[in-house]
Amino acid sequence: MSPRPAGTLFGVGVGPGDPELVTVKAARLIGAASVVAYHAGRPGRSLARASAAPYLPDGVVEEELVYPVTRGHADHPGGYRGALDEFYERAAARLATHLAAGRDVVLLAEGDPTLYSSYQHMHRRLAARFRCVVVPGVMSVSAVAAAAGVPLATGEEALLVAPATMPVDRLRDLAGRADALALMKVGRDVAGLREVLAAAGRLDEAVLVSRASRPDETVTALRDAPAGPDVPYMSMVLVPGAAAAQSPGPAALAVAAPAAPAGAAPAGAAGADPNVAGLSAAGAPANGARVHDPGVGETGVHDMGVGGAHPNGARADGTRANGARADGTRANGAHANGAHANGQRVDGPGPAGVGVDRVLGSVTVVGLGPAGPDWLTPEAAAALAGAEHVVGYQAYVSRVPPRAGQHRHLSDNRVEAERAAFALELARRGGRVAVVSSGDPGVFAMAAAVLEVRADGGYGDVPVHVLPGVTAANAVAARAGAPLGHDYCVVSLSDQLKPWPLVLRRLRAAAEADLALALYNPGSRARRRHVDEVRACLLGWRSPDTPVVVGRAVGEPGPDGERVDVIRLADLTAEHVDMRTLLIVGSSRTRWDRATGVVFTPRHHDGAPSPATATADAAADTRP
């Protein structure tokens, strides 16, 4: 008689808590299981089992795997980690007994089995001996975003999902660099997390969600959330991405129409706040009223959150209204989209738009200089200190010190137009916005992008100011001496926004005019051949011995920081450049003191024929 084949371990995600969020496949496997296992913090207190309870078949064998410890201390020779490792070994042995006997085991996992799940510890110990199949589940991150009523991220925003239990220094670093944050397992350290996000300028956007998708779900602004043991361990803090959370919408306040029949809503249920009722007559909000500006057009019978903390259905008394029916029960799937009577929606006229005059803000485009704070002008520092929003490429925003109450909006370096439109929209809504650029914002940077979108995108009413910074050409020139001491030309070698033949044509014109050249963006991983073409082009008018200053990461410390070299034009290759490099090519008058390394171009011209003329005539037939 052949031995019975071993069973299969199914790691089944049961979602964030609501049994209706269990997938069809998960429900089918649970319903057909002979053995169902699940982890529990205490006997009889498994959140995963509660989610799967409606699908458990009669007579199923249940393996409850109770943690010996759920906090960071344990009376064990190996400490907390030793106690958990021993527990996982025992739990794996229990499941292996069933699997070896040919019985399939469905191991329930909250959320998704592959994301910070206890299932992973069983998989690691059993996958080498038994077949393991993972069934994905709805992640808690998705449920938290749904509960908070905000998108997680959009476009090219980066979403960071991380445990809030990680070391504070690492958490602080990540909070300052990510576009959107989902911090899991908040537990008792709400106060510490609040400090971390405040230091990163993200506290005002942060929302604390506990028991997402469950009947006792709560959503609270992290700034106002109580700290202490009452915060469930499985709570999560969500900081949405800037573009996702702040999509433009109409400048109107949606006020619930007073047409619902008397008695349709229970005492204390959603209704128009008295402050709002008098808004249209007064022409402005009464003192103390908080007016939420909806992000999208609203239709139907809605109660907007006026005087409450949650925009998706705050009652007039500030508590949340999840579509409450007249009998006081929760209406599944309803998010304060009107009061219900006997389970039916109350029809009525749509919300009235009450105009609210905006206080127009402004956009200030700030040059940060080429490196750290020593290169920042006092004018730029003052503008950054007074800004409510800092917008920019993530590497540049990270150079701005976080300030309490200041919002930081990070983006990729290839979305200049979108970044400009976002900043202008924030200003139109009343924000004081600083758009940051490295170097000088008017030199191949964000000033032109903002002004172009302002002119062509319908933002002509938004004031824009440009504050200069130390540009890379001046920084590199200063390190070398004074190679730009006479007439010079500035050219970007990037062909992202203009064709490469145009770049070469402009280089030829500048070289023929015997101008010194400051060359930005000389190369990248994708643009290696351009340097060879530039060298060949310039050698048609310049001596091979013309000095070239190669400046990389000027102002930045460390082994990968500043480096300035001077080489001959004939020796220039792609190996000398990357996107952090700037080149200064001397004119025929530029002098190079090889003993000291100093390069300078005299301020005067003696009127003699340029030495480049003979070189150019000799090479006339080789000109590009």
Foldseek 3Di string as FASTA:
>chain_A
DDAAAFAEEEEAELELQALVQGDPVSLVPQLPAQEEEEEAQDVPHTSQCNSNVVRHHPNRHYHYQHQPDDDQADPDPVTPVVSVVVSLVVVLVVVRVRRSNRGYYYYYWYAFCVPPTPVVSNCVVPVVPHHYHGHTGHHVVVLVCVVLVFDAADDFFAEDEEEPPPDLVVLLVVLLQHQKYKYWQCAQPLVSVLVSNQQSLQQQQKWKWASGPDPPIDIGRSVPDDGGRVGDRGIIIIRHGPCRGAAAEDQWAFAFDPPFDPLFAAPQAAHGAPQRVCCQVVVHGDPPWDTDGDNYDDWFGAHADINEDRRQAAHNVRHHQQQAGSVRDHDPPRRRRAYHYPNHHGGDHITDTRHHDADAAAEEEAECELDANVQHDPVRLVLLVPFQEEFEASVFSSRNRRHGNHHYHHDHPPPLLVRLVSQLSCRRRPGHYYYYDYAFCVPPHNPVSNVVCCVPVVSVVHYYHGDTTHHPQNLLCVVQAALQLAAAEEAECDPPPHHNVVRLVVLLVRLVVQHKYKYAQQAAPVRFCSLVVSLLQNQLQDDQQFKKWKWFQRPDDDPNHTDIAIDGSVPDGSVSDHNRIMMITHGLQWDADPVVSHIHHDHDDPPDDRPSVVSNVVCVVVHD
